[in-house]
Amino acid sequence: MTTKLTQKQLAHQLGVSVATISRVLNDKPGVSDEIRERVLELMAQAGYAPNGAARSLATSRTGLIAFVVHQSSHDSREDPFYPFIVAGAESFLSSQQVHILFTSLDDDTMQKPQTFTAVAERRVDGLILAGPDISPNFILYHLSQGVPLVIIDNCLQNSEVNCVLNDDFGGEYQAARHLIQKGRRKIVFLSGPLEWVSSRERGRGYAQALSEAHLSPQVVYAAETTIPSGEQAMAEALERWPDLDGVCAANDAMAIGAMRVLTSR
């Protein structure tokens, strides 16, 4: 039986600091590729958080793939983005005699990935982790345990992982350019958190378009990219810049929220 290792024990075995282990687990910079690989390898061999069920995924099949989103205050089924992703994945997987289990991830489970029951109880063969708010710690833990996975609208800056991304920079650049070409000059951007790669890249695209037109950026940051957060961000933007004449949003959900506010006034 594998003995659970703490971060301190991992650090002692590798001759590095606990801070270094923490940086690897949270996909932070400041760690060499060699040390990063050694940490992940030791996690897989010794079981940073023991999970024999995860390792069994390589040898037993359930015919299910978990589509995982982070649980938040809003109903994820209202998000116009994920239903299309699920439908596409389901269409392909069904041709392979594999089906999708849709599940959500709460904050406690994200902090303690070994308690994620879909893997711990051998319910699935792999994971599709959707959204930029799924933590590097959760992703890296399951990678270290050999669980097949892909992440959507997310990536790790310092660790290799299969991911699916949009052209976030180009998409927002074109959206802002369209408004500028229509004669708009006071364009606000409703952004998600800067920690999310999609928010950063879309913000860069918006800023680039405005810079080329010699316009000043006006940005409202929200803690999440949902319909309610879009409503709140749009209301804040109107209060701060009542003469604004164009809106770019980080995603469709925020755009829907913004439209609800604008059509009610």
C-alpha atoms as a PDB file:
ATOM      1  CA  MET A   1       0.000   0.000   0.000  1.00  0.00           C
ATOM      2  CA  THR A   2       1.351   3.416  -1.006  1.00  0.00           C
ATOM      3  CA  THR A   3       2.119   5.774   1.843  1.00  0.00           C
ATOM      4  CA  LYS A   4       0.751   9.273   1.567  1.00  0.00           C
ATOM      5  CA  LEU A   5       3.455  11.880   1.118  1.00  0.00           C
ATOM      6  CA  THR A   6       3.134  15.434   2.296  1.00  0.00           C
ATOM      7  CA  GLN A   7       4.692  18.396   0.499  1.00  0.00           C
ATOM      8  CA  LYS A   8       7.356  18.488   3.222  1.00  0.00           C
ATOM      9  CA  GLN A   9       8.243  14.827   2.630  1.00  0.00           C
ATOM     10  CA  LEU A  10       8.365  15.350  -1.128  1.00  0.00           C
ATOM     11  CA  ALA A  11      10.683  18.309  -0.618  1.00  0.00           C
ATOM     12  CA  HIS A  12      12.950  16.306   1.724  1.00  0.00           C
ATOM     13  CA  GLN A  13      13.266  13.386  -0.716  1.00  0.00           C
ATOM     14  CA  LEU A  14      14.141  15.677  -3.603  1.00  0.00           C
ATOM     15  CA  GLY A  15      16.364  18.021  -1.614  1.00  0.00           C
ATOM     16  CA  VAL A  16      14.328  21.109  -2.466  1.00  0.00           C
ATOM     17  CA  SER A  17      12.211  23.540  -0.476  1.00  0.00           C
ATOM     18  CA  VAL A  18       8.513  23.150   0.294  1.00  0.00           C
ATOM     19  CA  ALA A  19       8.012  26.391  -1.628  1.00  0.00           C
ATOM     20  CA  THR A  20       9.452  24.711  -4.721  1.00  0.00           C
ATOM     21  CA  ILE A  21       6.998  21.810  -4.366  1.00  0.00           C
ATOM     22  CA  SER A  22       4.168  24.295  -3.976  1.00  0.00           C
ATOM     23  CA  ARG A  23       5.221  26.163  -7.120  1.00  0.00           C
ATOM     24  CA  VAL A  24       5.182  22.935  -9.128  1.00  0.00           C
ATOM     25  CA  LEU A  25       1.786  21.868  -7.795  1.00  0.00           C
ATOM     26  CA  ASN A  26       0.309  25.278  -8.660  1.00  0.00           C
ATOM     27  CA  ASP A  27       2.049  25.560 -12.057  1.00  0.00           C
ATOM     28  CA  LYS A  28       4.031  28.628 -11.013  1.00  0.00           C
ATOM     29  CA  PRO A  29       7.277  29.784 -12.663  1.00  0.00           C
ATOM     30  CA  GLY A  30      10.670  29.826 -10.970  1.00  0.00           C
ATOM     31  CA  VAL A  31      11.318  26.057 -11.161  1.00  0.00           C
ATOM     32  CA  SER A  32      13.656  24.381 -13.638  1.00  0.00           C
ATOM     33  CA  ASP A  33      12.234  21.827 -16.071  1.00  0.00           C
ATOM     34  CA  GLU A  34      14.412  19.142 -14.474  1.00  0.00           C
ATOM     35  CA  ILE A  35      13.088  19.791 -10.951  1.00  0.00           C
ATOM     36  CA  ARG A  36       9.509  20.060 -12.214  1.00  0.00           C
ATOM     37  CA  GLU A  37       9.776  16.680 -13.949  1.00  0.00           C
ATOM     38  CA  ARG A  38      11.362  15.087 -10.860  1.00  0.00           C
ATOM     39  CA  VAL A  39       8.563  16.374  -8.606  1.00  0.00           C
ATOM     40  CA  LEU A  40       5.817  15.091 -10.907  1.00  0.00           C
ATOM     41  CA  GLU A  41       7.605  11.779 -11.354  1.00  0.00           C
ATOM     42  CA  LEU A  42       7.945  11.270  -7.601  1.00  0.00           C
ATOM     43  CA  MET A  43       4.283  12.176  -7.125  1.00  0.00           C
ATOM     44  CA  ALA A  44       3.323   9.493  -9.627  1.00  0.00           C
ATOM     45  CA  GLN A  45       5.650   6.874  -8.118  1.00  0.00           C
ATOM     46  CA  ALA A  46       5.080   7.484  -4.426  1.00  0.00           C
ATOM     47  CA  GLY A  47       1.581   8.920  -4.403  1.00  0.00           C
ATOM     48  CA  TYR A  48       1.527  12.529  -3.233  1.00  0.00           C
ATOM     49  CA  ALA A  49      -2.097  11.819  -2.355  1.00  0.00           C
ATOM     50  CA  PRO A  50      -2.698   8.061  -2.682  1.00  0.00           C
ATOM     51  CA  ASN A  51      -5.285   7.050  -5.206  1.00  0.00           C
ATOM     52  CA  GLY A  52      -5.063   3.505  -6.494  1.00  0.00           C
ATOM     53  CA  ALA A  53      -8.339   4.038  -8.302  1.00  0.00           C
ATOM     54  CA  ALA A  54      -6.731   6.665 -10.509  1.00  0.00           C
ATOM     55  CA  ARG A  55      -3.995   4.288 -11.554  1.00  0.00           C
ATOM     56  CA  SER A  56      -6.569   1.578 -12.285  1.00  0.00           C
ATOM     57  CA  LEU A  57      -8.062   3.784 -15.016  1.00  0.00           C
ATOM     58  CA  ALA A  58      -5.266   2.610 -17.266  1.00  0.00           C
ATOM     59  CA  THR A  59      -6.383  -1.005 -17.073  1.00  0.00           C
ATOM     60  CA  SER A  60     -10.181  -0.999 -16.562  1.00  0.00           C
ATOM     61  CA  ARG A  61     -12.738   0.793 -18.701  1.00  0.00           C
ATOM     62  CA  THR A  62     -16.126   2.182 -17.739  1.00  0.00           C
ATOM     63  CA  GLY A  63     -17.116   3.606 -21.112  1.00  0.00           C
ATOM     64  CA  LEU A  64     -17.577   7.053 -19.513  1.00  0.00           C
ATOM     65  CA  ILE A  65     -15.677  10.323 -19.779  1.00  0.00           C
ATOM     66  CA  ALA A  66     -16.368  13.010 -17.149  1.00  0.00           C
ATOM     67  CA  PHE A  67     -17.058  16.514 -18.442  1.00  0.00           C
ATOM     68  CA  VAL A  68     -16.149  18.660 -15.437  1.00  0.00           C
ATOM     69  CA  VAL A  69     -16.947  22.314 -14.756  1.00  0.00           C
ATOM     70  CA  HIS A  70     -16.260  24.357 -11.648  1.00  0.00           C
ATOM     71  CA  GLN A  71     -19.317  24.753  -9.458  1.00  0.00           C
ATOM     72  CA  SER A  72     -20.284  28.403  -9.049  1.00  0.00           C
ATOM     73  CA  SER A  73     -23.211  30.499  -7.921  1.00  0.00           C
ATOM     74  CA  HIS A  74     -24.840  30.349 -11.342  1.00  0.00           C
ATOM     75  CA  ASP A  75     -26.313  27.378 -13.217  1.00  0.00           C
ATOM     76  CA  SER A  76     -23.679  26.231 -15.706  1.00  0.00           C
ATOM     77  CA  ARG A  77     -26.459  24.975 -17.979  1.00  0.00           C
ATOM     78  CA  GLU A  78     -27.325  28.625 -18.662  1.00  0.00           C
ATOM     79  CA  ASP A  79     -23.861  29.245 -20.104  1.00  0.00           C
ATOM     80  CA  PRO A  80     -24.155  29.323 -23.915  1.00  0.00           C
ATOM     81  CA  PHE A  81     -20.572  28.092 -24.337  1.00  0.00           C
ATOM     82  CA  TYR A  82     -20.471  24.659 -22.716  1.00  0.00           C
ATOM     83  CA  PRO A  83     -23.557  23.019 -24.286  1.00  0.00           C
ATOM     84  CA  PHE A  84     -21.911  23.286 -27.707  1.00  0.00           C
ATOM     85  CA  ILE A  85     -18.674  21.778 -26.383  1.00  0.00           C
ATOM     86  CA  VAL A  86     -20.541  18.927 -24.686  1.00  0.00           C
ATOM     87  CA  ALA A  87     -22.575  18.249 -27.837  1.00  0.00           C
ATOM     88  CA  GLY A  88     -19.450  18.071 -29.984  1.00  0.00           C
ATOM     89  CA  ALA A  89     -17.617  15.812 -27.548  1.00  0.00           C
ATOM     90  CA  GLU A  90     -20.663  13.572 -27.162  1.00  0.00           C
ATOM     91  CA  SER A  91     -21.097  13.289 -30.929  1.00  0.00           C
ATOM     92  CA  PHE A  92     -17.548  12.017 -31.366  1.00  0.00           C
ATOM     93  CA  LEU A  93     -17.401   9.843 -28.255  1.00  0.00           C
ATOM     94  CA  SER A  94     -20.669   8.077 -29.037  1.00  0.00           C
ATOM     95  CA  SER A  95     -19.098   6.826 -32.257  1.00  0.00           C
ATOM     96  CA  GLN A  96     -16.438   5.212 -30.049  1.00  0.00           C
ATOM     97  CA  GLN A  97     -19.066   3.632 -27.746  1.00  0.00           C
ATOM     98  CA  VAL A  98     -18.128   6.090 -25.012  1.00  0.00           C
ATOM     99  CA  HIS A  99     -20.568   8.348 -23.164  1.00  0.00           C
ATOM    100  CA  ILE A 100     -20.265  11.580 -21.144  1.00  0.00           C
ATOM    101  CA  LEU A 101     -20.884  12.023 -17.434  1.00  0.00           C
ATOM    102  CA  PHE A 102     -21.511  15.733 -16.721  1.00  0.00           C
ATOM    103  CA  THR A 103     -20.389  16.749 -13.239  1.00  0.00           C
ATOM    104  CA  SER A 104     -19.351  19.850 -11.317  1.00  0.00           C
ATOM    105  CA  LEU A 105     -16.415  20.508  -9.038  1.00  0.00           C
ATOM    106  CA  ASP A 106     -16.754  22.411  -5.753  1.00  0.00           C
ATOM    107  CA  ASP A 107     -14.000  24.403  -4.080  1.00  0.00           C
ATOM    108  CA  ASP A 108     -13.269  21.790  -1.400  1.00  0.00           C
ATOM    109  CA  THR A 109     -12.766  19.022  -3.956  1.00  0.00           C
ATOM    110  CA  MET A 110     -10.598  21.271  -6.106  1.00  0.00           C
ATOM    111  CA  GLN A 111      -8.325  21.835  -3.089  1.00  0.00           C
ATOM    112  CA  LYS A 112      -8.310  18.093  -2.286  1.00  0.00           C
ATOM    113  CA  PRO A 113      -8.288  16.428  -5.720  1.00  0.00           C
ATOM    114  CA  GLN A 114      -7.864  12.931  -4.271  1.00  0.00           C
ATOM    115  CA  THR A 115     -11.476  13.189  -3.042  1.00  0.00           C
ATOM    116  CA  PHE A 116     -12.920  13.665  -6.544  1.00  0.00           C
ATOM    117  CA  THR A 117     -15.348  10.745  -6.589  1.00  0.00           C
ATOM    118  CA  ALA A 118     -15.620  10.346 -10.364  1.00  0.00           C
ATOM    119  CA  VAL A 119     -11.999   9.169 -10.354  1.00  0.00           C
ATOM    120  CA  ALA A 120     -11.738   7.857  -6.783  1.00  0.00           C
ATOM    121  CA  GLU A 121     -14.663   5.481  -7.353  1.00  0.00           C
ATOM    122  CA  ARG A 122     -13.538   4.444 -10.842  1.00  0.00           C
ATOM    123  CA  ARG A 123     -16.604   5.849 -12.543  1.00  0.00           C
ATOM    124  CA  VAL A 124     -14.815   7.273 -15.584  1.00  0.00           C
ATOM    125  CA  ASP A 125     -11.971   6.531 -17.991  1.00  0.00           C
ATOM    126  CA  GLY A 126     -10.787  10.115 -18.349  1.00  0.00           C
ATOM    127  CA  LEU A 127     -11.569  13.784 -17.784  1.00  0.00           C
ATOM    128  CA  ILE A 128     -12.536  16.797 -19.869  1.00  0.00           C
ATOM    129  CA  LEU A 129     -11.878  19.760 -17.557  1.00  0.00           C
ATOM    130  CA  ALA A 130     -13.735  22.798 -18.882  1.00  0.00           C
ATOM    131  CA  GLY A 131     -13.107  26.374 -17.851  1.00  0.00           C
ATOM    132  CA  PRO A 132     -10.268  28.664 -16.791  1.00  0.00           C
ATOM    133  CA  ASP A 133     -11.261  28.461 -13.116  1.00  0.00           C
ATOM    134  CA  ILE A 134     -10.156  24.847 -12.605  1.00  0.00           C
ATOM    135  CA  SER A 135      -6.961  25.084 -10.560  1.00  0.00           C
ATOM    136  CA  PRO A 136      -3.496  23.918 -11.677  1.00  0.00           C
ATOM    137  CA  ASN A 137      -3.300  21.859  -8.475  1.00  0.00           C
ATOM    138  CA  PHE A 138      -6.340  19.796  -9.497  1.00  0.00           C
ATOM    139  CA  ILE A 139      -5.052  19.328 -13.041  1.00  0.00           C
ATOM    140  CA  LEU A 140      -1.494  18.421 -12.039  1.00  0.00           C
ATOM    141  CA  TYR A 141      -2.635  15.964  -9.400  1.00  0.00           C
ATOM    142  CA  HIS A 142      -4.598  13.913 -11.913  1.00  0.00           C
ATOM    143  CA  LEU A 143      -1.817  14.164 -14.480  1.00  0.00           C
ATOM    144  CA  SER A 144       0.627  12.796 -11.910  1.00  0.00           C
ATOM    145  CA  GLN A 145      -1.733   9.893 -11.271  1.00  0.00           C
ATOM    146  CA  GLY A 146      -1.851   8.945 -14.945  1.00  0.00           C
ATOM    147  CA  VAL A 147      -5.469   9.966 -15.544  1.00  0.00           C
ATOM    148  CA  PRO A 148      -6.059  10.795 -19.240  1.00  0.00           C
ATOM    149  CA  LEU A 149      -7.377  14.353 -19.468  1.00  0.00           C
ATOM    150  CA  VAL A 150      -7.757  17.418 -21.648  1.00  0.00           C
ATOM    151  CA  ILE A 151      -8.502  20.963 -20.500  1.00  0.00           C
ATOM    152  CA  ILE A 152     -10.727  23.439 -22.362  1.00  0.00           C
ATOM    153  CA  ASP A 153     -10.436  27.235 -22.292  1.00  0.00           C
ATOM    154  CA  ASN A 154      -7.492  26.840 -19.935  1.00  0.00           C
ATOM    155  CA  CYS A 155      -3.786  26.019 -20.021  1.00  0.00           C
ATOM    156  CA  LEU A 156      -0.812  25.627 -17.743  1.00  0.00           C
ATOM    157  CA  GLN A 157       2.008  28.112 -18.214  1.00  0.00           C
ATOM    158  CA  ASN A 158       4.823  25.870 -16.999  1.00  0.00           C
ATOM    159  CA  SER A 159       3.659  22.273 -17.427  1.00  0.00           C
ATOM    160  CA  GLU A 160       2.723  20.247 -20.483  1.00  0.00           C
ATOM    161  CA  VAL A 161      -0.937  19.283 -20.789  1.00  0.00           C
ATOM    162  CA  ASN A 162      -3.363  18.671 -23.632  1.00  0.00           C
ATOM    163  CA  CYS A 163      -5.556  21.748 -24.018  1.00  0.00           C
ATOM    164  CA  VAL A 164      -8.095  23.254 -26.410  1.00  0.00           C
ATOM    165  CA  LEU A 165      -7.978  27.031 -26.794  1.00  0.00           C
ATOM    166  CA  ASN A 166      -9.613  29.640 -29.002  1.00  0.00           C
ATOM    167  CA  ASP A 167      -7.803  32.479 -30.739  1.00  0.00           C
ATOM    168  CA  ASP A 168      -8.689  34.696 -27.794  1.00  0.00           C
ATOM    169  CA  PHE A 169      -6.449  37.574 -28.827  1.00  0.00           C
ATOM    170  CA  GLY A 170      -7.579  37.567 -32.451  1.00  0.00           C
ATOM    171  CA  GLY A 171     -11.271  37.199 -31.638  1.00  0.00           C
ATOM    172  CA  GLU A 172     -11.418  40.184 -29.289  1.00  0.00           C
ATOM    173  CA  TYR A 173      -9.183  42.230 -31.575  1.00  0.00           C
ATOM    174  CA  GLN A 174     -11.616  41.689 -34.456  1.00  0.00           C
ATOM    175  CA  ALA A 175     -14.624  42.488 -32.247  1.00  0.00           C
ATOM    176  CA  ALA A 176     -13.101  45.783 -31.127  1.00  0.00           C
ATOM    177  CA  ARG A 177     -11.989  46.620 -34.673  1.00  0.00           C
ATOM    178  CA  HIS A 178     -15.540  46.055 -35.899  1.00  0.00           C
ATOM    179  CA  LEU A 179     -16.905  48.571 -33.400  1.00  0.00           C
ATOM    180  CA  ILE A 180     -14.180  51.075 -34.278  1.00  0.00           C
ATOM    181  CA  GLN A 181     -14.957  50.731 -37.977  1.00  0.00           C
ATOM    182  CA  LYS A 182     -18.613  51.456 -37.151  1.00  0.00           C
ATOM    183  CA  GLY A 183     -17.537  54.767 -35.674  1.00  0.00           C
ATOM    184  CA  ARG A 184     -17.547  53.841 -31.995  1.00  0.00           C
ATOM    185  CA  ARG A 185     -14.971  55.683 -29.923  1.00  0.00           C
ATOM    186  CA  LYS A 186     -15.804  55.002 -26.270  1.00  0.00           C
ATOM    187  CA  ILE A 187     -15.679  51.221 -26.098  1.00  0.00           C
ATOM    188  CA  VAL A 188     -15.674  49.372 -22.794  1.00  0.00           C
ATOM    189  CA  PHE A 189     -14.339  45.855 -22.253  1.00  0.00           C
ATOM    190  CA  LEU A 190     -16.113  43.603 -19.728  1.00  0.00           C
ATOM    191  CA  SER A 191     -13.332  41.276 -18.585  1.00  0.00           C
ATOM    192  CA  GLY A 192     -13.008  38.200 -16.442  1.00  0.00           C
ATOM    193  CA  PRO A 193     -10.158  37.744 -13.926  1.00  0.00           C
ATOM    194  CA  LEU A 194      -6.665  38.512 -15.191  1.00  0.00           C
ATOM    195  CA  GLU A 195      -5.457  35.175 -13.787  1.00  0.00           C
ATOM    196  CA  TRP A 196      -7.416  33.426 -16.547  1.00  0.00           C
ATOM    197  CA  VAL A 197      -5.511  33.074 -19.807  1.00  0.00           C
ATOM    198  CA  SER A 198      -8.621  33.703 -21.917  1.00  0.00           C
ATOM    199  CA  SER A 199      -9.355  36.969 -20.090  1.00  0.00           C
ATOM    200  CA  ARG A 200      -5.754  38.132 -20.468  1.00  0.00           C
ATOM    201  CA  GLU A 201      -5.556  37.300 -24.162  1.00  0.00           C
ATOM    202  CA  ARG A 202      -8.943  38.810 -25.000  1.00  0.00           C
ATOM    203  CA  GLY A 203      -7.989  41.915 -23.057  1.00  0.00           C
ATOM    204  CA  ARG A 204      -4.771  42.169 -25.056  1.00  0.00           C
ATOM    205  CA  GLY A 205      -6.699  41.915 -28.316  1.00  0.00           C
ATOM    206  CA  TYR A 206      -9.119  44.644 -27.239  1.00  0.00           C
ATOM    207  CA  ALA A 207      -6.265  46.892 -26.067  1.00  0.00           C
ATOM    208  CA  GLN A 208      -4.314  46.388 -29.296  1.00  0.00           C
ATOM    209  CA  ALA A 209      -7.277  47.414 -31.454  1.00  0.00           C
ATOM    210  CA  LEU A 210      -7.892  50.537 -29.371  1.00  0.00           C
ATOM    211  CA  SER A 211      -4.205  51.441 -29.363  1.00  0.00           C
ATOM    212  CA  GLU A 212      -4.049  51.278 -33.154  1.00  0.00           C
ATOM    213  CA  ALA A 213      -7.049  53.655 -33.290  1.00  0.00           C
ATOM    214  CA  HIS A 214      -5.484  55.966 -30.652  1.00  0.00           C
ATOM    215  CA  LEU A 215      -8.357  55.305 -28.248  1.00  0.00           C
ATOM    216  CA  SER A 216      -8.194  54.876 -24.473  1.00  0.00           C
ATOM    217  CA  PRO A 217      -9.141  51.473 -23.004  1.00  0.00           C
ATOM    218  CA  GLN A 218     -11.944  51.319 -20.449  1.00  0.00           C
ATOM    219  CA  VAL A 219     -12.101  48.005 -18.615  1.00  0.00           C
ATOM    220  CA  VAL A 220     -14.351  46.537 -15.932  1.00  0.00           C
ATOM    221  CA  TYR A 221     -13.058  43.359 -14.264  1.00  0.00           C
ATOM    222  CA  ALA A 222     -15.426  40.698 -12.927  1.00  0.00           C
ATOM    223  CA  ALA A 223     -14.683  37.747 -10.632  1.00  0.00           C
ATOM    224  CA  GLU A 224     -16.295  35.317 -13.085  1.00  0.00           C
ATOM    225  CA  THR A 225     -17.613  35.324 -16.642  1.00  0.00           C
ATOM    226  CA  THR A 226     -21.319  34.584 -16.211  1.00  0.00           C
ATOM    227  CA  ILE A 227     -24.610  36.191 -17.158  1.00  0.00           C
ATOM    228  CA  PRO A 228     -25.034  37.756 -13.674  1.00  0.00           C
ATOM    229  CA  SER A 229     -21.446  39.046 -13.673  1.00  0.00           C
ATOM    230  CA  GLY A 230     -22.056  40.529 -17.108  1.00  0.00           C
ATOM    231  CA  GLU A 231     -25.085  42.367 -15.742  1.00  0.00           C
ATOM    232  CA  GLN A 232     -23.070  43.715 -12.819  1.00  0.00           C
ATOM    233  CA  ALA A 233     -20.122  44.729 -14.985  1.00  0.00           C
ATOM    234  CA  MET A 234     -22.373  46.485 -17.501  1.00  0.00           C
ATOM    235  CA  ALA A 235     -24.131  48.423 -14.755  1.00  0.00           C
ATOM    236  CA  GLU A 236     -20.759  49.469 -13.344  1.00  0.00           C
ATOM    237  CA  ALA A 237     -19.526  50.526 -16.789  1.00  0.00           C
ATOM    238  CA  LEU A 238     -22.582  52.719 -17.363  1.00  0.00           C
ATOM    239  CA  GLU A 239     -22.070  54.344 -14.001  1.00  0.00           C
ATOM    240  CA  ARG A 240     -18.393  55.053 -14.648  1.00  0.00           C
ATOM    241  CA  TRP A 241     -18.710  56.006 -18.325  1.00  0.00           C
ATOM    242  CA  PRO A 242     -22.312  57.075 -19.038  1.00  0.00           C
ATOM    243  CA  ASP A 243     -21.351  58.262 -22.537  1.00  0.00           C
ATOM    244  CA  LEU A 244     -19.855  54.934 -23.676  1.00  0.00           C
ATOM    245  CA  ASP A 245     -20.961  53.883 -27.160  1.00  0.00           C
ATOM    246  CA  GLY A 246     -19.620  50.340 -27.578  1.00  0.00           C
ATOM    247  CA  VAL A 247     -19.159  47.162 -25.533  1.00  0.00           C
ATOM    248  CA  CYS A 248     -16.801  44.205 -25.900  1.00  0.00           C
ATOM    249  CA  ALA A 249     -17.384  41.283 -23.549  1.00  0.00           C
ATOM    250  CA  ALA A 250     -15.053  38.495 -22.441  1.00  0.00           C
ATOM    251  CA  ASN A 251     -17.537  35.817 -23.488  1.00  0.00           C
ATOM    252  CA  ASP A 252     -21.114  35.192 -24.622  1.00  0.00           C
ATOM    253  CA  ALA A 253     -22.461  34.840 -21.092  1.00  0.00           C
ATOM    254  CA  MET A 254     -21.200  38.284 -20.076  1.00  0.00           C
ATOM    255  CA  ALA A 255     -22.493  39.715 -23.361  1.00  0.00           C
ATOM    256  CA  ILE A 256     -25.975  38.347 -22.616  1.00  0.00           C
ATOM    257  CA  GLY A 257     -25.846  39.938 -19.159  1.00  0.00           C
ATOM    258  CA  ALA A 258     -24.755  43.247 -20.682  1.00  0.00           C
ATOM    259  CA  MET A 259     -27.573  43.136 -23.243  1.00  0.00           C
ATOM    260  CA  ARG A 260     -30.137  42.536 -20.516  1.00  0.00           C
ATOM    261  CA  VAL A 261     -29.014  45.665 -18.702  1.00  0.00           C
ATOM    262  CA  LEU A 262     -28.894  47.792 -21.855  1.00  0.00           C
ATOM    263  CA  THR A 263     -32.335  46.722 -23.103  1.00  0.00           C
ATOM    264  CA  SER A 264     -33.872  47.476 -19.707  1.00  0.00           C
ATOM    265  CA  ARG A 265     -32.796  51.141 -19.855  1.00  0.00           C
END
